[in-house]
Amino acid sequence: MTTESPRWFKSSYSDNGGDCVEVAANLIAPHGTVPVRDSKNPTGPVLGFPAGAFTSFIAGVKAGKFDTV
């Protein structure tokens, strides 16, 4: 993906139940991409999302657009 090493982090809201994703925010500015991976499989595949699309997704999450209750 890039020669820079991603610095992965999980949300502080993760409940340690194992169903988490990690993002590498340090690559957003230089590449315009948000790498995302499954925290249970750190050596597995990484998905890269355009920064604008990821920002829209996060805004939707915060607005409750994906709530199932």
PDB file of N, CA and C in Angstrom:
ATOM      1  N   MET A   1       0.835  -1.184   0.000  1.00  0.00           N
ATOM      2  CA  MET A   1       0.000   0.000   0.000  1.00  0.00           C
ATOM      3  C   MET A   1       0.877   1.245   0.000  1.00  0.00           C
ATOM      4  N   THR A   2       1.895   1.280   0.892  1.00  0.00           N
ATOM      5  CA  THR A   2       2.782   2.429   0.986  1.00  0.00           C
ATOM      6  C   THR A   2       4.060   2.018   1.695  1.00  0.00           C
ATOM      7  N   THR A   3       5.091   2.833   1.567  1.00  0.00           N
ATOM      8  CA  THR A   3       6.331   2.532   2.274  1.00  0.00           C
ATOM      9  C   THR A   3       6.266   2.981   3.727  1.00  0.00           C
ATOM     10  N   GLU A   4       5.302   3.837   4.072  1.00  0.00           N
ATOM     11  CA  GLU A   4       5.128   4.251   5.455  1.00  0.00           C
ATOM     12  C   GLU A   4       4.457   3.133   6.242  1.00  0.00           C
ATOM     13  N   SER A   5       4.867   2.986   7.493  1.00  0.00           N
ATOM     14  CA  SER A   5       4.245   1.972   8.335  1.00  0.00           C
ATOM     15  C   SER A   5       2.957   2.510   8.939  1.00  0.00           C
ATOM     16  N   PRO A   6       1.878   1.775   8.790  1.00  0.00           N
ATOM     17  CA  PRO A   6       0.636   2.222   9.401  1.00  0.00           C
ATOM     18  C   PRO A   6       0.717   2.127  10.924  1.00  0.00           C
ATOM     19  N   ARG A   7       0.156   3.104  11.609  1.00  0.00           N
ATOM     20  CA  ARG A   7       0.057   3.067  13.068  1.00  0.00           C
ATOM     21  C   ARG A   7      -1.402   2.755  13.394  1.00  0.00           C
ATOM     22  N   TRP A   8      -1.646   1.502  13.710  1.00  0.00           N
ATOM     23  CA  TRP A   8      -3.005   1.008  13.906  1.00  0.00           C
ATOM     24  C   TRP A   8      -3.537   1.397  15.273  1.00  0.00           C
ATOM     25  N   PHE A   9      -4.847   1.706  15.322  1.00  0.00           N
ATOM     26  CA  PHE A   9      -5.496   1.925  16.606  1.00  0.00           C
ATOM     27  C   PHE A   9      -6.956   1.510  16.538  1.00  0.00           C
ATOM     28  N   LYS A  10      -7.481   1.158  17.716  1.00  0.00           N
ATOM     29  CA  LYS A  10      -8.894   0.834  17.881  1.00  0.00           C
ATOM     30  C   LYS A  10      -9.566   1.981  18.614  1.00  0.00           C
ATOM     31  N   SER A  11     -10.830   2.124  18.410  1.00  0.00           N
ATOM     32  CA  SER A  11     -11.602   3.139  19.112  1.00  0.00           C
ATOM     33  C   SER A  11     -11.555   2.892  20.617  1.00  0.00           C
ATOM     34  N   SER A  12     -11.531   3.972  21.363  1.00  0.00           N
ATOM     35  CA  SER A  12     -11.590   3.841  22.825  1.00  0.00           C
ATOM     36  C   SER A  12     -12.955   3.314  23.259  1.00  0.00           C
ATOM     37  N   TYR A  13     -13.929   3.307  22.360  1.00  0.00           N
ATOM     38  CA  TYR A  13     -15.253   2.781  22.670  1.00  0.00           C
ATOM     39  C   TYR A  13     -15.342   1.267  22.483  1.00  0.00           C
ATOM     40  N   SER A  14     -14.281   0.642  22.002  1.00  0.00           N
ATOM     41  CA  SER A  14     -14.287  -0.807  21.825  1.00  0.00           C
ATOM     42  C   SER A  14     -14.449  -1.467  23.192  1.00  0.00           C
ATOM     43  N   ASP A  15     -15.303  -2.481  23.235  1.00  0.00           N
ATOM     44  CA  ASP A  15     -15.579  -3.123  24.525  1.00  0.00           C
ATOM     45  C   ASP A  15     -14.746  -4.371  24.767  1.00  0.00           C
ATOM     46  N   ASN A  16     -13.717  -4.570  23.986  1.00  0.00           N
ATOM     47  CA  ASN A  16     -12.833  -5.741  24.108  1.00  0.00           C
ATOM     48  C   ASN A  16     -13.572  -7.051  23.890  1.00  0.00           C
ATOM     49  N   GLY A  17     -14.677  -7.007  23.175  1.00  0.00           N
ATOM     50  CA  GLY A  17     -15.406  -8.220  22.860  1.00  0.00           C
ATOM     51  C   GLY A  17     -14.845  -8.939  21.650  1.00  0.00           C
ATOM     52  N   GLY A  18     -13.857  -8.367  21.001  1.00  0.00           N
ATOM     53  CA  GLY A  18     -13.224  -9.009  19.868  1.00  0.00           C
ATOM     54  C   GLY A  18     -13.788  -8.629  18.518  1.00  0.00           C
ATOM     55  N   ASP A  19     -14.881  -7.896  18.470  1.00  0.00           N
ATOM     56  CA  ASP A  19     -15.493  -7.514  17.198  1.00  0.00           C
ATOM     57  C   ASP A  19     -15.101  -6.086  16.842  1.00  0.00           C
ATOM     58  N   CYS A  20     -13.827  -5.872  16.623  1.00  0.00           N
ATOM     59  CA  CYS A  20     -13.331  -4.518  16.398  1.00  0.00           C
ATOM     60  C   CYS A  20     -12.586  -4.415  15.075  1.00  0.00           C
ATOM     61  N   VAL A  21     -12.550  -3.214  14.569  1.00  0.00           N
ATOM     62  CA  VAL A  21     -11.694  -2.913  13.443  1.00  0.00           C
ATOM     63  C   VAL A  21     -10.652  -1.908  13.918  1.00  0.00           C
ATOM     64  N   GLU A  22      -9.562  -1.859  13.195  1.00  0.00           N
ATOM     65  CA  GLU A  22      -8.504  -0.897  13.474  1.00  0.00           C
ATOM     66  C   GLU A  22      -8.297  -0.046  12.240  1.00  0.00           C
ATOM     67  N   VAL A  23      -7.930   1.205  12.446  1.00  0.00           N
ATOM     68  CA  VAL A  23      -7.622   2.096  11.339  1.00  0.00           C
ATOM     69  C   VAL A  23      -6.227   2.666  11.539  1.00  0.00           C
ATOM     70  N   ALA A  24      -5.615   3.076  10.440  1.00  0.00           N
ATOM     71  CA  ALA A  24      -4.294   3.706  10.480  1.00  0.00           C
ATOM     72  C   ALA A  24      -4.444   5.145  10.012  1.00  0.00           C
ATOM     73  N   ALA A  25      -4.788   6.014  10.938  1.00  0.00           N
ATOM     74  CA  ALA A  25      -5.081   7.408  10.597  1.00  0.00           C
ATOM     75  C   ALA A  25      -3.862   8.177  10.107  1.00  0.00           C
ATOM     76  N   ASN A  26      -2.666   7.690  10.396  1.00  0.00           N
ATOM     77  CA  ASN A  26      -1.467   8.415   9.973  1.00  0.00           C
ATOM     78  C   ASN A  26      -1.277   8.418   8.455  1.00  0.00           C
ATOM     79  N   LEU A  27      -2.016   7.621   7.734  1.00  0.00           N
ATOM     80  CA  LEU A  27      -1.864   7.558   6.278  1.00  0.00           C
ATOM     81  C   LEU A  27      -2.933   8.369   5.537  1.00  0.00           C
ATOM     82  N   ILE A  28      -3.850   8.983   6.287  1.00  0.00           N
ATOM     83  CA  ILE A  28      -4.937   9.723   5.637  1.00  0.00           C
ATOM     84  C   ILE A  28      -4.399  10.937   4.889  1.00  0.00           C
ATOM     85  N   ALA A  29      -3.668  11.795   5.576  1.00  0.00           N
ATOM     86  CA  ALA A  29      -3.189  13.037   4.952  1.00  0.00           C
ATOM     87  C   ALA A  29      -2.241  12.796   3.777  1.00  0.00           C
ATOM     88  N   PRO A  30      -1.221  11.935   3.935  1.00  0.00           N
ATOM     89  CA  PRO A  30      -0.286  11.801   2.819  1.00  0.00           C
ATOM     90  C   PRO A  30      -0.830  11.023   1.619  1.00  0.00           C
ATOM     91  N   HIS A  31      -1.855  10.182   1.841  1.00  0.00           N
ATOM     92  CA  HIS A  31      -2.310   9.315   0.748  1.00  0.00           C
ATOM     93  C   HIS A  31      -3.794   9.427   0.433  1.00  0.00           C
ATOM     94  N   GLY A  32      -4.559  10.114   1.294  1.00  0.00           N
ATOM     95  CA  GLY A  32      -5.994  10.248   1.060  1.00  0.00           C
ATOM     96  C   GLY A  32      -6.752   8.948   1.215  1.00  0.00           C
ATOM     97  N   THR A  33      -6.152   8.007   1.911  1.00  0.00           N
ATOM     98  CA  THR A  33      -6.732   6.682   2.088  1.00  0.00           C
ATOM     99  C   THR A  33      -6.759   6.323   3.566  1.00  0.00           C
ATOM    100  N   VAL A  34      -7.835   5.651   3.987  1.00  0.00           N
ATOM    101  CA  VAL A  34      -7.932   5.154   5.358  1.00  0.00           C
ATOM    102  C   VAL A  34      -7.829   3.635   5.316  1.00  0.00           C
ATOM    103  N   PRO A  35      -6.684   3.073   5.742  1.00  0.00           N
ATOM    104  CA  PRO A  35      -6.566   1.619   5.817  1.00  0.00           C
ATOM    105  C   PRO A  35      -7.369   1.095   7.015  1.00  0.00           C
ATOM    106  N   VAL A  36      -8.081  -0.015   6.806  1.00  0.00           N
ATOM    107  CA  VAL A  36      -8.893  -0.629   7.847  1.00  0.00           C
ATOM    108  C   VAL A  36      -8.609  -2.124   7.846  1.00  0.00           C
ATOM    109  N   ARG A  37      -8.478  -2.701   9.063  1.00  0.00           N
ATOM    110  CA  ARG A  37      -8.253  -4.146   9.164  1.00  0.00           C
ATOM    111  C   ARG A  37      -9.042  -4.709  10.343  1.00  0.00           C
ATOM    112  N   ASP A  38      -9.188  -6.013  10.364  1.00  0.00           N
ATOM    113  CA  ASP A  38      -9.850  -6.741  11.441  1.00  0.00           C
ATOM    114  C   ASP A  38      -8.855  -6.890  12.586  1.00  0.00           C
ATOM    115  N   SER A  39      -9.212  -6.426  13.773  1.00  0.00           N
ATOM    116  CA  SER A  39      -8.279  -6.493  14.901  1.00  0.00           C
ATOM    117  C   SER A  39      -7.971  -7.921  15.322  1.00  0.00           C
ATOM    118  N   LYS A  40      -8.855  -8.871  15.008  1.00  0.00           N
ATOM    119  CA  LYS A  40      -8.603 -10.269  15.350  1.00  0.00           C
ATOM    120  C   LYS A  40      -7.614 -10.926  14.397  1.00  0.00           C
ATOM    121  N   ASN A  41      -7.373 -10.299  13.256  1.00  0.00           N
ATOM    122  CA  ASN A  41      -6.492 -10.882  12.245  1.00  0.00           C
ATOM    123  C   ASN A  41      -5.540  -9.800  11.715  1.00  0.00           C
ATOM    124  N   PRO A  42      -4.585  -9.361  12.547  1.00  0.00           N
ATOM    125  CA  PRO A  42      -3.725  -8.244  12.147  1.00  0.00           C
ATOM    126  C   PRO A  42      -2.806  -8.518  10.957  1.00  0.00           C
ATOM    127  N   THR A  43      -2.607  -9.777  10.615  1.00  0.00           N
ATOM    128  CA  THR A  43      -1.788 -10.086   9.445  1.00  0.00           C
ATOM    129  C   THR A  43      -2.638 -10.354   8.210  1.00  0.00           C
ATOM    130  N   GLY A  44      -3.954 -10.218   8.353  1.00  0.00           N
ATOM    131  CA  GLY A  44      -4.873 -10.472   7.249  1.00  0.00           C
ATOM    132  C   GLY A  44      -4.965  -9.291   6.304  1.00  0.00           C
ATOM    133  N   PRO A  45      -5.973  -9.319   5.447  1.00  0.00           N
ATOM    134  CA  PRO A  45      -6.118  -8.268   4.432  1.00  0.00           C
ATOM    135  C   PRO A  45      -6.435  -6.902   5.038  1.00  0.00           C
ATOM    136  N   VAL A  46      -6.041  -5.894   4.316  1.00  0.00           N
ATOM    137  CA  VAL A  46      -6.315  -4.508   4.687  1.00  0.00           C
ATOM    138  C   VAL A  46      -7.155  -3.886   3.581  1.00  0.00           C
ATOM    139  N   LEU A  47      -8.240  -3.239   3.968  1.00  0.00           N
ATOM    140  CA  LEU A  47      -9.076  -2.520   3.009  1.00  0.00           C
ATOM    141  C   LEU A  47      -8.714  -1.049   3.063  1.00  0.00           C
ATOM    142  N   GLY A  48      -8.589  -0.426   1.922  1.00  0.00           N
ATOM    143  CA  GLY A  48      -8.287   0.999   1.856  1.00  0.00           C
ATOM    144  C   GLY A  48      -9.496   1.761   1.340  1.00  0.00           C
ATOM    145  N   PHE A  49      -9.989   2.710   2.136  1.00  0.00           N
ATOM    146  CA  PHE A  49     -11.158   3.497   1.761  1.00  0.00           C
ATOM    147  C   PHE A  49     -10.746   4.929   1.469  1.00  0.00           C
ATOM    148  N   PRO A  50     -11.324   5.563   0.466  1.00  0.00           N
ATOM    149  CA  PRO A  50     -11.052   6.982   0.241  1.00  0.00           C
ATOM    150  C   PRO A  50     -11.430   7.770   1.502  1.00  0.00           C
ATOM    151  N   ALA A  51     -10.618   8.752   1.854  1.00  0.00           N
ATOM    152  CA  ALA A  51     -10.820   9.504   3.091  1.00  0.00           C
ATOM    153  C   ALA A  51     -12.216  10.126   3.160  1.00  0.00           C
ATOM    154  N   GLY A  52     -12.711  10.672   2.059  1.00  0.00           N
ATOM    155  CA  GLY A  52     -14.032  11.283   2.061  1.00  0.00           C
ATOM    156  C   GLY A  52     -15.136  10.284   2.350  1.00  0.00           C
ATOM    157  N   ALA A  53     -15.028   9.102   1.784  1.00  0.00           N
ATOM    158  CA  ALA A  53     -16.033   8.067   2.025  1.00  0.00           C
ATOM    159  C   ALA A  53     -16.004   7.614   3.476  1.00  0.00           C
ATOM    160  N   PHE A  54     -14.825   7.472   4.032  1.00  0.00           N
ATOM    161  CA  PHE A  54     -14.709   7.047   5.421  1.00  0.00           C
ATOM    162  C   PHE A  54     -15.256   8.128   6.356  1.00  0.00           C
ATOM    163  N   THR A  55     -14.976   9.388   6.050  1.00  0.00           N
ATOM    164  CA  THR A  55     -15.496  10.494   6.854  1.00  0.00           C
ATOM    165  C   THR A  55     -17.021  10.486   6.842  1.00  0.00           C
ATOM    166  N   SER A  56     -17.616  10.251   5.678  1.00  0.00           N
ATOM    167  CA  SER A  56     -19.078  10.180   5.575  1.00  0.00           C
ATOM    168  C   SER A  56     -19.627   9.011   6.382  1.00  0.00           C
ATOM    169  N   PHE A  57     -18.946   7.885   6.344  1.00  0.00           N
ATOM    170  CA  PHE A  57     -19.365   6.714   7.116  1.00  0.00           C
ATOM    171  C   PHE A  57     -19.350   7.023   8.618  1.00  0.00           C
ATOM    172  N   ILE A  58     -18.273   7.619   9.104  1.00  0.00           N
ATOM    173  CA  ILE A  58     -18.168   7.954  10.525  1.00  0.00           C
ATOM    174  C   ILE A  58     -19.261   8.946  10.922  1.00  0.00           C
ATOM    175  N   ALA A  59     -19.537   9.916  10.076  1.00  0.00           N
ATOM    176  CA  ALA A  59     -20.613  10.874  10.364  1.00  0.00           C
ATOM    177  C   ALA A  59     -21.955  10.148  10.472  1.00  0.00           C
ATOM    178  N   GLY A  60     -22.187   9.177   9.605  1.00  0.00           N
ATOM    179  CA  GLY A  60     -23.414   8.391   9.665  1.00  0.00           C
ATOM    180  C   GLY A  60     -23.511   7.566  10.934  1.00  0.00           C
ATOM    181  N   VAL A  61     -22.400   6.989  11.355  1.00  0.00           N
ATOM    182  CA  VAL A  61     -22.382   6.226  12.610  1.00  0.00           C
ATOM    183  C   VAL A  61     -22.728   7.140  13.779  1.00  0.00           C
ATOM    184  N   LYS A  62     -22.083   8.295  13.832  1.00  0.00           N
ATOM    185  CA  LYS A  62     -22.331   9.236  14.926  1.00  0.00           C
ATOM    186  C   LYS A  62     -23.766   9.745  14.925  1.00  0.00           C
ATOM    187  N   ALA A  63     -24.369   9.850  13.758  1.00  0.00           N
ATOM    188  CA  ALA A  63     -25.752  10.324  13.650  1.00  0.00           C
ATOM    189  C   ALA A  63     -26.779   9.205  13.904  1.00  0.00           C
ATOM    190  N   GLY A  64     -26.308   7.974  14.102  1.00  0.00           N
ATOM    191  CA  GLY A  64     -27.209   6.864  14.385  1.00  0.00           C
ATOM    192  C   GLY A  64     -27.875   6.271  13.166  1.00  0.00           C
ATOM    193  N   LYS A  65     -27.355   6.548  11.987  1.00  0.00           N
ATOM    194  CA  LYS A  65     -27.991   6.069  10.766  1.00  0.00           C
ATOM    195  C   LYS A  65     -27.902   4.547  10.582  1.00  0.00           C
ATOM    196  N   PHE A  66     -27.044   3.887  11.339  1.00  0.00           N
ATOM    197  CA  PHE A  66     -26.878   2.436  11.192  1.00  0.00           C
ATOM    198  C   PHE A  66     -27.366   1.673  12.410  1.00  0.00           C
ATOM    199  N   ASP A  67     -28.005   2.371  13.337  1.00  0.00           N
ATOM    200  CA  ASP A  67     -28.525   1.708  14.531  1.00  0.00           C
ATOM    201  C   ASP A  67     -29.584   0.698  14.137  1.00  0.00           C
ATOM    202  N   THR A  68     -29.581  -0.453  14.803  1.00  0.00           N
ATOM    203  CA  THR A  68     -30.540  -1.498  14.478  1.00  0.00           C
ATOM    204  C   THR A  68     -31.642  -1.605  15.525  1.00  0.00           C
ATOM    205  N   VAL A  69     -31.583  -0.829  16.551  1.00  0.00           N
ATOM    206  CA  VAL A  69     -32.574  -0.900  17.626  1.00  0.00           C
ATOM    207  C   VAL A  69     -33.644   0.123  17.429  1.00  0.00           C
TER     208      VAL A  69
END
